[in-house]
Amino acid sequence: MGAVSRTLQKPEEGNSWRMTAAESTGQALAMEAVSKRFPGTLAVDRVDLDVCAGEVHALMGENGAGKSTLMKILTGAFDDYTGVIRIGGREVALHSPSAAKECGVGMVHQELSLARSISIAENVLVGRLPTTRWGVLDRGAMYEEAQECLGYVGLSADPRKTVEEISQHEAQLVEIAKVLGGKPCILILDEPTSSLSREDAMRLFKIIRELKRKGLAIVYISHHLPEVFEIADRVTVLRDGRKVGTRSIDDTTPQMLVQMMVGQSIDEFYSRRKPKITDTVLRVERLTRYGYFHDVSFQMRRGETLGLVGLSGSGRTELARSLCGLEPVHYGGVSLLDEPLEPGDYPSAVSKGLVYLPEDRKEDGLFLRLPVGKNLVAALTGQHSGMGFYRSDRDAGVILRYFEELNIVAASPEVDAGTLSGGNQQKVLLAKWLATSPKALILDEPTRGVDVKAKRQIHEAIMSLTETGTAVLLISSDLPELVGMSDRVIVMRNGRLLGEMAKEELSEEAVLLAANGQYPCRMSGGQQTIHGQGLDRREDSQEGPVSRDQ
């Protein structure tokens, strides 16, 4: 069983691929009774998966369901699997990553593998840089070939730029262009929108549809139900290493998929207990950071979940980081329980009860090489000591409590945080800040990249927190989450706060229109209504450019 010829071939002119006539309507991929065993665990148990040329086939399941293991088999990372794999109708042995690439399998991982300090061209052509006959790098040929690869995804960026000079969305396209440069017939996309705004995700979907039209077979891994219904033709669900079923997207519903994934019916995934909202906890007055946001004022109340919505470039993440002192401000102030917070002093804000759960848990949230337990109590330094002695027993109690309350799945608190699944890492990060008993909690994309079950558990933890009187600011690109969890929503656009929307006004469509300046928003207290046309005139007067949310 050797490598097969490429299913997709590049035409003599243009930047697209075409299917060979014999394969244009058949299966690009067939995995039959594929299994993979680890010591003590059957991670994948006789799973079947077929993907047709010109199809987007979604692969779903909770963390630990077997999705990653199955894809590692397909990409040659695990060579000791059992079962049969056919690509283009030919049986193949995928016993190394190079063998998988030779067979036409390419994968874009959730965590981008780009080197940010070197050029786009060098990233796209890594491992296959063109050289002159004297063995010297041929930069002209490199830039030309890279430009061609970027054309596959419709990206017009200068290939001479470094990756750190472009946006997150553009970096995602560079990663896809790098994989497409290898001329795969099967493209695996692992949570491709996890770091993208909804606006950028829609642009990516347009590119995926074009690749599908050109004949690529696309395996689309996602936890995000609306995305699956937006882009997929069929969906296969795994649970506990086994295939639950495959359904046409036209013949299923979100409720059906949730039931397939978790094994039980969830009637109202975003059901919400009625909160008891009382007095003001956090007050923001005319907060300004030039170039990012301007003249922002709002209040957060005890027991309230306040949603914050804004498109990429709205300044929402920069605002969140400035609220808690992680970034400087030029004007205005923030007070917690009527006590002013010192600008740019995050440790002081934390000690007073204002904490921030960052968007990027790996870079900004956790110590991946330290044990889970040490991560969980990292914010309690100085609190669990008395009479000059360290109280490890109190740490142990906190760790046990949150392991149980958030159902953190780990072999023990002593394993490194980096070994946990993304969902369990996120629960550890949340537990780290819940353990401080915050008065106000800022959550930046708290469920990004986690499975359905973990998302539910995180939502329940947030609701329990608000029941104790904590005020929560929720920033989320997941519109069902934002609508379902928020008691009201404030809207940002181009660094300005446009106004707010009451609970009864909230819907996915209304929130999206508001973020685009096309839905009326009341100012705090109901004094003013702002419509889309007026927004544009107001935005023109803001000071300086507004950066893209990271």
Protein backbone atom coordinates (compact mmCIF):
# COMPACT_ATOMS: atom_id res chain seq x y z
CA MET A 1 0.00 0.00 0.00
CA GLY A 2 1.81 3.08 -1.13
CA ALA A 3 1.10 6.70 -1.85
CA VAL A 4 -1.46 7.59 -4.48
CA SER A 5 -1.37 10.23 -7.19
CA ARG A 6 -2.95 13.57 -6.41
CA THR A 7 -6.67 13.81 -6.83
CA LEU A 8 -6.46 17.54 -7.44
CA GLN A 9 -4.36 18.84 -10.26
CA LYS A 10 -3.43 22.40 -11.06
CA PRO A 11 -4.49 23.62 -14.51
CA GLU A 12 -1.96 25.22 -16.77
CA GLU A 13 -3.49 28.65 -16.27
CA GLY A 14 -4.99 30.21 -13.15
CA ASN A 15 -4.64 29.44 -9.51
CA SER A 16 -7.32 26.81 -9.02
CA TRP A 17 -7.40 23.02 -9.01
CA ARG A 18 -9.63 20.56 -10.81
CA MET A 19 -10.67 16.99 -10.15
CA THR A 20 -9.67 14.27 -12.54
CA ALA A 21 -12.66 13.12 -14.57
CA ALA A 22 -12.73 9.67 -12.97
CA GLU A 23 -12.79 11.03 -9.44
CA SER A 24 -14.93 14.17 -9.69
CA THR A 25 -18.04 12.54 -8.28
CA GLY A 26 -16.62 9.82 -6.04
CA GLN A 27 -15.35 9.50 -2.51
CA ALA A 28 -12.18 11.40 -1.81
CA LEU A 29 -11.77 9.70 1.57
CA ALA A 30 -13.05 6.51 3.16
CA MET A 31 -11.97 5.43 6.64
CA GLU A 32 -13.33 2.00 7.54
CA ALA A 33 -13.35 0.43 11.02
CA VAL A 34 -10.42 2.60 12.11
CA SER A 35 -9.26 2.07 15.71
CA LYS A 36 -6.46 3.43 17.89
CA ARG A 37 -5.56 2.18 21.35
CA PHE A 38 -3.47 3.89 24.00
CA PRO A 39 -2.36 2.10 27.18
CA GLY A 40 -5.59 1.46 29.05
CA THR A 41 -7.77 3.42 26.60
CA LEU A 42 -9.47 2.66 23.30
CA ALA A 43 -9.44 6.23 21.94
CA VAL A 44 -11.03 5.42 18.57
CA ASP A 45 -13.23 2.35 18.24
CA ARG A 46 -13.96 1.07 14.69
CA VAL A 47 -14.92 4.46 13.29
CA ASP A 48 -16.15 4.89 9.72
CA LEU A 49 -15.86 8.25 7.95
CA ASP A 50 -16.36 9.08 4.29
CA VAL A 51 -15.91 12.45 2.61
CA CYS A 52 -16.77 13.22 -1.01
CA ALA A 53 -14.92 15.48 -3.38
CA GLY A 54 -16.44 18.93 -3.30
CA GLU A 55 -18.00 18.37 0.14
CA VAL A 56 -17.62 20.10 3.50
CA HIS A 57 -18.01 17.34 6.07
CA ALA A 58 -18.22 18.54 9.68
CA LEU A 59 -16.73 16.41 12.46
CA MET A 60 -18.19 17.09 15.90
CA GLY A 61 -18.01 15.75 19.42
CA GLU A 62 -17.06 16.71 22.94
CA ASN A 63 -13.43 17.04 23.95
CA GLY A 64 -12.15 13.50 24.30
CA ALA A 65 -14.65 12.10 21.80
CA GLY A 66 -11.86 10.95 19.46
CA LYS A 67 -11.84 13.70 16.80
CA SER A 68 -8.21 14.70 17.28
CA THR A 69 -7.02 11.10 17.41
CA LEU A 70 -8.89 10.25 14.21
CA MET A 71 -7.38 13.23 12.40
CA LYS A 72 -3.89 12.41 13.71
CA ILE A 73 -4.31 9.00 12.13
CA LEU A 74 -5.34 10.60 8.85
CA THR A 75 -2.36 12.97 8.91
CA GLY A 76 0.13 10.20 9.70
CA ALA A 77 0.93 11.26 13.27
CA PHE A 78 -0.14 7.83 14.64
CA ASP A 79 1.13 4.87 12.65
CA ASP A 80 -0.14 2.06 14.87
CA TYR A 81 -3.82 2.20 13.93
CA THR A 82 -6.00 -0.61 12.66
CA GLY A 83 -8.58 -0.45 9.89
CA VAL A 84 -8.58 0.60 6.25
CA ILE A 85 -8.08 4.06 4.74
CA ARG A 86 -8.81 4.79 1.08
CA ILE A 87 -7.99 8.04 -0.69
CA GLY A 88 -9.35 8.50 -4.20
CA GLY A 89 -10.55 4.89 -4.09
CA ARG A 90 -7.05 3.51 -3.42
CA GLU A 91 -6.07 1.85 -0.17
CA VAL A 92 -3.16 3.67 1.49
CA ALA A 93 -0.93 3.26 4.50
CA LEU A 94 -0.55 6.54 6.37
CA HIS A 95 2.35 5.67 8.65
CA SER A 96 4.06 9.07 8.66
CA PRO A 97 3.18 12.74 8.09
CA SER A 98 5.16 12.69 4.84
CA ALA A 99 3.16 9.68 3.62
CA ALA A 100 -0.08 11.52 4.39
CA LYS A 101 1.09 14.59 2.45
CA GLU A 102 2.09 12.41 -0.49
CA CYS A 103 -1.41 10.99 -0.49
CA GLY A 104 -2.87 14.50 -0.60
CA VAL A 105 -3.85 15.11 3.03
CA GLY A 106 -3.33 18.63 4.39
CA MET A 107 -4.36 20.00 7.78
CA VAL A 108 -4.73 23.52 9.16
CA HIS A 109 -4.45 23.22 12.93
CA GLN A 110 -6.33 25.36 15.45
CA GLU A 111 -3.05 26.72 16.77
CA LEU A 112 -1.34 28.40 13.81
CA SER A 113 2.21 27.23 13.12
CA LEU A 114 3.47 30.45 11.54
CA ALA A 115 6.75 32.13 12.45
CA ARG A 116 5.64 35.70 13.10
CA SER A 117 9.04 37.35 12.65
CA ILE A 118 9.73 36.13 9.10
CA SER A 119 8.03 36.94 5.81
CA ILE A 120 4.71 35.59 4.62
CA ALA A 121 6.51 34.03 1.65
CA GLU A 122 8.96 32.12 3.86
CA ASN A 123 6.06 30.82 5.95
CA VAL A 124 4.01 29.72 2.94
CA LEU A 125 6.93 27.90 1.31
CA VAL A 126 8.59 26.51 4.44
CA GLY A 127 10.38 23.27 3.61
CA ARG A 128 10.25 23.90 -0.13
CA LEU A 129 11.96 27.28 -0.68
CA PRO A 130 13.16 27.69 -4.31
CA THR A 131 16.89 28.01 -4.94
CA THR A 132 19.08 29.02 -7.86
CA ARG A 133 21.33 26.51 -9.62
CA TRP A 134 24.05 27.63 -7.24
CA GLY A 135 21.95 26.64 -4.21
CA VAL A 136 21.17 30.20 -3.16
CA LEU A 137 17.64 31.21 -2.15
CA ASP A 138 15.81 32.55 -5.20
CA ARG A 139 13.85 35.39 -3.60
CA GLY A 140 12.14 36.43 -6.82
CA ALA A 141 10.81 32.92 -7.41
CA MET A 142 9.90 32.66 -3.71
CA TYR A 143 7.77 35.81 -3.77
CA GLU A 144 6.16 34.82 -7.06
CA GLU A 145 5.25 31.32 -5.88
CA ALA A 146 4.03 32.62 -2.53
CA GLN A 147 1.83 35.18 -4.29
CA GLU A 148 0.35 32.34 -6.32
CA CYS A 149 -0.44 30.36 -3.16
CA LEU A 150 -2.01 33.43 -1.53
CA GLY A 151 -4.20 33.71 -4.61
CA TYR A 152 -5.74 30.34 -3.70
CA VAL A 153 -7.38 32.03 -0.71
CA GLY A 154 -7.94 35.43 -2.29
CA LEU A 155 -5.35 37.19 -0.10
CA SER A 156 -3.62 40.16 -1.72
CA ALA A 157 -1.11 40.79 1.08
CA ASP A 158 2.47 41.60 0.16
CA PRO A 159 4.42 38.32 0.63
CA ARG A 160 7.43 40.37 1.76
CA LYS A 161 5.59 41.45 4.93
CA THR A 162 6.18 39.59 8.16
CA VAL A 163 3.30 37.68 9.75
CA GLU A 164 3.31 40.02 12.74
CA GLU A 165 2.39 42.89 10.38
CA ILE A 166 -0.94 41.34 9.32
CA SER A 167 -4.26 40.68 11.07
CA GLN A 168 -5.33 37.42 12.70
CA HIS A 169 -7.74 36.74 9.84
CA GLU A 170 -4.97 37.24 7.29
CA ALA A 171 -2.66 34.99 9.29
CA GLN A 172 -5.35 32.29 9.18
CA LEU A 173 -5.48 32.61 5.38
CA VAL A 174 -1.68 32.44 5.16
CA GLU A 175 -1.79 29.16 7.09
CA ILE A 176 -4.41 27.77 4.69
CA ALA A 177 -2.40 29.00 1.69
CA LYS A 178 0.67 27.21 3.08
CA VAL A 179 -1.24 23.93 3.23
CA LEU A 180 -2.87 24.44 -0.17
CA GLY A 181 0.56 25.01 -1.67
CA GLY A 182 1.12 21.28 -1.20
CA LYS A 183 -1.85 20.59 -3.55
CA PRO A 184 -3.94 18.45 -1.16
CA CYS A 185 -7.09 16.70 -2.21
CA ILE A 186 -8.30 16.46 1.40
CA LEU A 187 -8.19 19.59 3.56
CA ILE A 188 -8.73 19.33 7.33
CA LEU A 189 -9.70 22.56 9.12
CA ASP A 190 -9.51 22.34 12.92
CA GLU A 191 -11.59 25.07 14.59
CA PRO A 192 -10.61 27.55 11.86
CA THR A 193 -12.71 30.42 13.25
CA SER A 194 -11.65 30.10 16.91
CA SER A 195 -9.66 33.34 16.80
CA LEU A 196 -11.76 35.17 14.20
CA SER A 197 -14.55 37.70 14.49
CA ARG A 198 -17.88 36.81 12.92
CA GLU A 199 -17.10 39.22 10.09
CA ASP A 200 -13.79 37.46 9.34
CA ALA A 201 -15.43 34.06 9.73
CA MET A 202 -17.90 34.96 6.99
CA ARG A 203 -14.99 35.86 4.72
CA LEU A 204 -13.38 32.52 5.48
CA PHE A 205 -16.62 30.67 4.68
CA LYS A 206 -16.66 32.33 1.26
CA ILE A 207 -13.18 30.96 0.59
CA ILE A 208 -14.15 27.50 1.84
CA ARG A 209 -17.11 27.45 -0.55
CA GLU A 210 -14.78 28.35 -3.42
CA LEU A 211 -12.38 25.55 -2.47
CA LYS A 212 -15.33 23.18 -2.27
CA ARG A 213 -16.44 24.27 -5.76
CA LYS A 214 -12.96 23.47 -7.06
CA GLY A 215 -13.30 19.92 -5.80
CA LEU A 216 -11.54 19.76 -2.47
CA ALA A 217 -12.87 17.37 0.14
CA ILE A 218 -12.97 19.36 3.38
CA VAL A 219 -13.18 17.96 6.91
CA TYR A 220 -14.40 20.77 9.16
CA ILE A 221 -13.88 20.31 12.91
CA SER A 222 -15.88 22.68 15.08
CA HIS A 223 -17.70 22.96 18.40
CA HIS A 224 -19.74 25.86 17.08
CA LEU A 225 -23.17 24.69 15.96
CA PRO A 226 -24.16 27.79 13.92
CA GLU A 227 -20.97 27.45 11.88
CA VAL A 228 -21.68 23.84 11.06
CA PHE A 229 -25.14 24.71 9.76
CA GLU A 230 -23.64 27.62 7.83
CA ILE A 231 -20.93 25.76 5.95
CA ALA A 232 -21.32 21.95 6.16
CA ASP A 233 -23.07 19.51 3.79
CA ARG A 234 -22.95 16.56 6.20
CA VAL A 235 -21.92 16.09 9.81
CA THR A 236 -20.49 13.09 11.65
CA VAL A 237 -20.65 12.97 15.45
CA LEU A 238 -18.26 11.04 17.67
CA ARG A 239 -18.83 10.22 21.34
CA ASP A 240 -16.47 8.29 23.62
CA GLY A 241 -14.35 7.19 20.67
CA ARG A 242 -17.26 5.78 18.69
CA LYS A 243 -19.23 7.07 15.75
CA VAL A 244 -22.75 8.05 16.80
CA GLY A 245 -23.94 8.78 13.29
CA THR A 246 -23.69 10.82 10.10
CA ARG A 247 -26.47 13.11 8.97
CA SER A 248 -27.16 15.46 6.10
CA ILE A 249 -27.18 19.00 7.45
CA ASP A 250 -30.54 19.52 5.73
CA ASP A 251 -32.06 16.68 7.76
CA THR A 252 -30.92 17.67 11.24
CA THR A 253 -31.30 20.41 13.84
CA PRO A 254 -29.01 21.89 16.51
CA GLN A 255 -31.03 20.04 19.14
CA MET A 256 -30.41 16.72 17.38
CA LEU A 257 -26.67 17.32 17.19
CA VAL A 258 -26.44 18.31 20.86
CA GLN A 259 -28.29 15.14 21.83
CA MET A 260 -25.93 13.06 19.65
CA MET A 261 -22.88 14.70 21.23
CA VAL A 262 -23.84 14.57 24.91
CA GLY A 263 -26.17 11.59 24.88
CA GLN A 264 -29.09 13.49 26.35
CA SER A 265 -31.65 16.03 25.29
CA ILE A 266 -31.06 19.68 26.11
CA ASP A 267 -34.29 21.59 25.49
CA GLU A 268 -32.92 25.03 26.18
CA PHE A 269 -29.16 25.07 26.03
CA TYR A 270 -29.04 28.71 27.04
CA SER A 271 -31.76 28.55 29.68
CA ARG A 272 -31.21 31.17 32.33
CA ARG A 273 -32.37 31.45 35.93
CA LYS A 274 -33.90 34.81 36.71
CA PRO A 275 -31.15 36.97 38.20
CA LYS A 276 -31.54 39.27 41.17
CA ILE A 277 -29.96 42.50 39.99
CA THR A 278 -29.38 45.23 42.56
CA ASP A 279 -26.97 48.13 43.06
CA THR A 280 -24.03 49.26 40.95
CA VAL A 281 -20.74 47.39 41.41
CA LEU A 282 -18.56 48.80 38.63
CA ARG A 283 -18.82 52.32 37.23
CA VAL A 284 -16.96 53.42 34.08
CA GLU A 285 -16.90 57.12 33.30
CA ARG A 286 -15.69 58.63 30.03
CA LEU A 287 -12.84 56.13 29.72
CA THR A 288 -10.52 56.97 26.81
CA ARG A 289 -7.43 55.38 25.33
CA TYR A 290 -6.47 57.26 22.21
CA GLY A 291 -6.36 55.11 19.12
CA TYR A 292 -8.47 52.36 20.70
CA PHE A 293 -11.64 53.68 22.39
CA HIS A 294 -13.09 57.05 23.32
CA ASP A 295 -15.46 58.43 25.95
CA VAL A 296 -16.87 55.09 27.14
CA SER A 297 -19.29 55.19 30.08
CA PHE A 298 -21.45 52.41 31.54
CA GLN A 299 -22.33 50.61 34.79
CA MET A 300 -22.35 46.98 35.91
CA ARG A 301 -24.76 45.91 38.62
CA ARG A 302 -24.64 43.24 41.29
CA GLY A 303 -25.94 39.88 39.98
CA GLU A 304 -25.94 41.05 36.35
CA THR A 305 -24.37 39.55 33.25
CA LEU A 306 -23.68 42.49 30.96
CA GLY A 307 -22.88 41.52 27.37
CA LEU A 308 -20.40 43.54 25.33
CA VAL A 309 -20.63 43.17 21.55
CA GLY A 310 -18.53 44.68 18.80
CA LEU A 311 -17.01 43.69 15.49
CA SER A 312 -13.29 43.27 14.98
CA GLY A 313 -11.68 46.68 15.45
CA SER A 314 -14.41 47.94 17.79
CA GLY A 315 -11.98 48.20 20.70
CA ARG A 316 -13.79 45.74 22.97
CA THR A 317 -10.77 43.68 24.04
CA GLU A 318 -8.64 46.80 24.52
CA LEU A 319 -11.43 48.26 26.66
CA ALA A 320 -11.65 45.11 28.79
CA ARG A 321 -7.90 45.09 29.41
CA SER A 322 -7.90 48.78 30.29
CA LEU A 323 -10.83 48.42 32.70
CA CYS A 324 -8.82 46.13 34.95
CA GLY A 325 -5.51 47.96 34.64
CA LEU A 326 -3.70 45.73 32.13
CA GLU A 327 -3.47 48.60 29.61
CA PRO A 328 -3.09 52.35 30.18
CA VAL A 329 -5.81 54.97 29.72
CA HIS A 330 -5.51 58.66 28.87
CA TYR A 331 -8.74 59.98 30.37
CA GLY A 332 -11.67 58.96 32.53
CA GLY A 333 -11.90 56.52 35.39
CA VAL A 334 -13.15 53.21 36.76
CA SER A 335 -14.53 52.67 40.25
CA LEU A 336 -15.40 49.44 42.05
CA LEU A 337 -18.04 49.81 44.78
CA ASP A 338 -17.46 53.58 44.57
CA GLU A 339 -13.72 53.17 45.22
CA PRO A 340 -11.60 54.52 42.33
CA LEU A 341 -9.19 52.05 40.72
CA GLU A 342 -5.69 53.12 39.87
CA PRO A 343 -5.18 53.14 36.06
CA GLY A 344 -2.65 50.59 34.84
CA ASP A 345 -2.45 48.73 38.15
CA TYR A 346 -3.84 45.22 37.60
CA PRO A 347 -2.59 43.69 40.89
CA SER A 348 -4.42 46.40 42.80
CA ALA A 349 -7.61 45.81 40.80
CA VAL A 350 -7.42 42.07 41.54
CA SER A 351 -6.89 42.67 45.25
CA LYS A 352 -10.01 44.87 45.30
CA GLY A 353 -12.11 42.30 43.44
CA LEU A 354 -11.96 43.07 39.70
CA VAL A 355 -10.48 40.22 37.66
CA TYR A 356 -10.09 39.45 33.95
CA LEU A 357 -10.24 36.11 32.16
CA PRO A 358 -8.26 36.64 28.94
CA GLU A 359 -9.17 35.48 25.47
CA ASP A 360 -5.93 33.53 24.96
CA ARG A 361 -5.69 31.01 27.81
CA LYS A 362 -2.37 29.58 26.66
CA GLU A 363 -0.48 32.83 26.23
CA ASP A 364 -2.06 35.02 28.91
CA GLY A 365 -3.99 32.76 31.28
CA LEU A 366 -2.21 29.59 32.35
CA PHE A 367 1.24 28.30 33.21
CA LEU A 368 1.11 25.30 30.89
CA ARG A 369 4.22 23.62 32.31
CA LEU A 370 3.05 23.87 35.91
CA PRO A 371 0.62 21.45 37.61
CA VAL A 372 -3.10 22.06 37.31
CA GLY A 373 -3.38 22.56 41.07
CA LYS A 374 -0.72 25.27 41.17
CA ASN A 375 -2.45 27.07 38.28
CA LEU A 376 -5.79 26.92 40.07
CA VAL A 377 -4.51 28.61 43.25
CA ALA A 378 -2.00 30.92 41.54
CA ALA A 379 -4.13 34.01 42.19
CA LEU A 380 -4.42 33.22 45.91
CA THR A 381 -0.79 33.92 46.77
CA GLY A 382 -0.71 35.66 50.13
CA GLN A 383 -4.31 34.79 50.96
CA HIS A 384 -3.63 31.25 52.18
CA SER A 385 -1.06 32.02 54.79
CA GLY A 386 -1.30 32.96 58.39
CA MET A 387 1.07 33.81 61.19
CA GLY A 388 3.87 33.68 58.63
CA PHE A 389 3.17 30.05 57.63
CA TYR A 390 2.01 28.69 54.29
CA ARG A 391 -1.37 26.94 54.50
CA SER A 392 -1.20 24.17 51.87
CA ASP A 393 -4.31 22.55 53.37
CA ARG A 394 -6.38 25.53 52.28
CA ASP A 395 -5.01 25.26 48.74
CA ALA A 396 -5.93 21.58 48.70
CA GLY A 397 -9.48 22.44 49.74
CA VAL A 398 -9.83 25.03 46.96
CA ILE A 399 -8.46 22.62 44.36
CA LEU A 400 -10.83 19.84 45.43
CA ARG A 401 -13.79 22.21 45.44
CA TYR A 402 -13.33 23.47 41.89
CA PHE A 403 -12.38 20.09 40.49
CA GLU A 404 -15.80 18.94 41.66
CA GLU A 405 -17.83 22.07 40.86
CA LEU A 406 -16.48 22.52 37.33
CA ASN A 407 -15.95 18.81 36.65
CA ILE A 408 -12.31 19.32 35.67
CA VAL A 409 -11.10 16.14 33.98
CA ALA A 410 -7.45 15.47 34.85
CA ALA A 411 -5.59 12.44 36.10
CA SER A 412 -4.66 14.46 39.20
CA PRO A 413 -3.95 18.07 40.23
CA GLU A 414 -0.26 17.24 39.75
CA VAL A 415 -0.34 16.83 35.95
CA ASP A 416 0.82 19.81 33.87
CA ALA A 417 -1.95 22.13 32.70
CA GLY A 418 -0.66 21.86 29.13
CA THR A 419 -1.67 18.18 29.02
CA LEU A 420 -5.37 18.93 29.51
CA SER A 421 -7.91 19.35 26.74
CA GLY A 422 -8.81 22.89 25.71
CA GLY A 423 -12.12 22.73 27.55
CA ASN A 424 -10.52 21.58 30.79
CA GLN A 425 -7.80 24.21 30.50
CA GLN A 426 -10.52 26.82 30.21
CA LYS A 427 -12.27 25.47 33.30
CA VAL A 428 -9.00 25.63 35.25
CA LEU A 429 -8.54 29.26 34.17
CA LEU A 430 -12.09 30.11 35.23
CA ALA A 431 -11.63 28.33 38.55
CA LYS A 432 -8.42 30.28 39.17
CA TRP A 433 -10.39 33.53 39.19
CA LEU A 434 -13.56 32.19 40.83
CA ALA A 435 -11.37 31.14 43.77
CA THR A 436 -10.62 34.82 44.46
CA SER A 437 -14.36 35.51 45.12
CA PRO A 438 -14.43 38.47 42.70
CA LYS A 439 -16.87 41.34 42.96
CA ALA A 440 -16.72 41.92 39.20
CA LEU A 441 -15.48 39.49 36.56
CA ILE A 442 -14.58 40.31 32.94
CA LEU A 443 -14.83 37.29 30.62
CA ASP A 444 -13.24 37.61 27.16
CA GLU A 445 -14.45 34.75 24.92
CA PRO A 446 -14.83 32.33 27.87
CA THR A 447 -16.00 29.33 25.81
CA ARG A 448 -13.99 29.73 22.61
CA GLY A 449 -12.79 26.36 21.32
CA VAL A 450 -14.51 24.22 23.97
CA ASP A 451 -17.04 21.48 23.41
CA VAL A 452 -20.76 21.55 24.10
CA LYS A 453 -20.60 19.88 27.49
CA ALA A 454 -17.75 22.06 28.78
CA LYS A 455 -19.56 25.15 27.50
CA ARG A 456 -22.64 24.17 29.48
CA GLN A 457 -20.57 23.70 32.64
CA ILE A 458 -18.89 27.08 32.20
CA HIS A 459 -22.28 28.75 31.70
CA GLU A 460 -23.60 27.15 34.87
CA ALA A 461 -20.55 28.38 36.80
CA ILE A 462 -21.15 31.92 35.52
CA MET A 463 -24.82 31.80 36.49
CA SER A 464 -23.95 30.50 39.96
CA LEU A 465 -21.48 33.33 40.34
CA THR A 466 -24.06 35.99 39.50
CA GLU A 467 -26.46 34.42 42.01
CA THR A 468 -23.93 35.28 44.72
CA GLY A 469 -24.01 38.93 43.61
CA THR A 470 -20.96 39.09 41.33
CA ALA A 471 -21.24 41.38 38.30
CA VAL A 472 -20.09 39.80 35.02
CA LEU A 473 -18.99 41.51 31.81
CA LEU A 474 -19.28 38.96 28.99
CA ILE A 475 -17.43 39.52 25.69
CA SER A 476 -18.32 36.82 23.17
CA SER A 477 -18.35 36.36 19.41
CA ASP A 478 -20.72 33.44 19.96
CA LEU A 479 -24.03 35.23 19.38
CA PRO A 480 -26.29 32.50 20.84
CA GLU A 481 -24.12 32.58 23.96
CA LEU A 482 -24.18 36.36 24.18
CA VAL A 483 -27.95 36.53 23.71
CA GLY A 484 -28.69 33.61 26.00
CA MET A 485 -26.45 34.63 28.88
CA SER A 486 -26.80 38.43 28.94
CA ASP A 487 -29.30 40.44 30.96
CA ARG A 488 -28.57 43.40 28.72
CA VAL A 489 -25.99 44.19 26.04
CA ILE A 490 -23.87 47.26 25.36
CA VAL A 491 -22.67 47.83 21.80
CA MET A 492 -19.30 49.14 20.62
CA ARG A 493 -18.35 50.24 17.14
CA ASN A 494 -15.07 51.82 16.07
CA GLY A 495 -14.04 52.61 19.62
CA ARG A 496 -17.33 54.24 20.58
CA LEU A 497 -20.08 52.99 22.86
CA LEU A 498 -23.25 53.23 20.78
CA GLY A 499 -25.75 52.38 23.49
CA GLU A 500 -27.43 49.39 25.09
CA MET A 501 -30.08 46.77 24.33
CA ALA A 502 -32.50 45.40 26.93
CA LYS A 503 -33.02 41.66 27.51
CA GLU A 504 -36.34 41.64 25.66
CA GLU A 505 -34.70 43.19 22.58
CA LEU A 506 -31.97 40.60 22.27
CA SER A 507 -31.76 38.25 19.33
CA GLU A 508 -28.83 37.10 17.21
CA GLU A 509 -30.01 39.20 14.28
CA ALA A 510 -30.62 42.33 16.36
CA VAL A 511 -27.23 42.10 18.08
CA LEU A 512 -25.40 41.64 14.78
CA LEU A 513 -27.25 44.56 13.20
CA ALA A 514 -26.47 46.71 16.23
CA ALA A 515 -22.76 45.87 15.97
CA ASN A 516 -22.91 47.02 12.34
CA GLY A 517 -24.65 50.26 13.30
CA GLN A 518 -27.95 49.24 11.74
CA TYR A 519 -30.13 48.74 14.83
CA PRO A 520 -31.28 51.45 17.24
CA CYS A 521 -29.55 51.41 20.63
CA ARG A 522 -30.61 53.42 23.68
CA MET A 523 -28.06 55.38 25.60
CA SER A 524 -27.83 54.59 29.30
CA GLY A 525 -30.99 55.76 30.97
CA GLY A 526 -32.88 55.88 27.69
CA GLN A 527 -32.05 59.51 26.95
CA GLN A 528 -31.11 59.01 23.31
CA THR A 529 -31.62 56.66 20.41
CA ILE A 530 -28.87 56.16 17.85
CA HIS A 531 -29.48 54.80 14.37
CA GLY A 532 -27.07 53.50 11.79
CA GLN A 533 -26.86 56.66 9.66
CA GLY A 534 -26.09 58.87 12.62
CA LEU A 535 -23.43 56.46 13.84
CA ASP A 536 -21.32 56.98 10.80
CA ARG A 537 -21.24 60.74 11.32
CA ARG A 538 -20.34 60.31 15.00
CA GLU A 539 -17.50 57.89 14.24
CA ASP A 540 -15.84 60.37 11.93
CA SER A 541 -14.93 62.61 14.85
CA GLN A 542 -13.05 60.09 16.98
CA GLU A 543 -9.39 60.66 17.75
CA GLY A 544 -6.88 58.48 15.95
CA PRO A 545 -7.17 55.03 14.38
CA VAL A 546 -8.71 52.12 16.17
CA SER A 547 -6.77 48.87 16.32
CA ARG A 548 -8.05 45.39 15.53
CA ASP A 549 -9.14 43.25 18.48
CA GLN A 550 -6.62 40.54 19.15
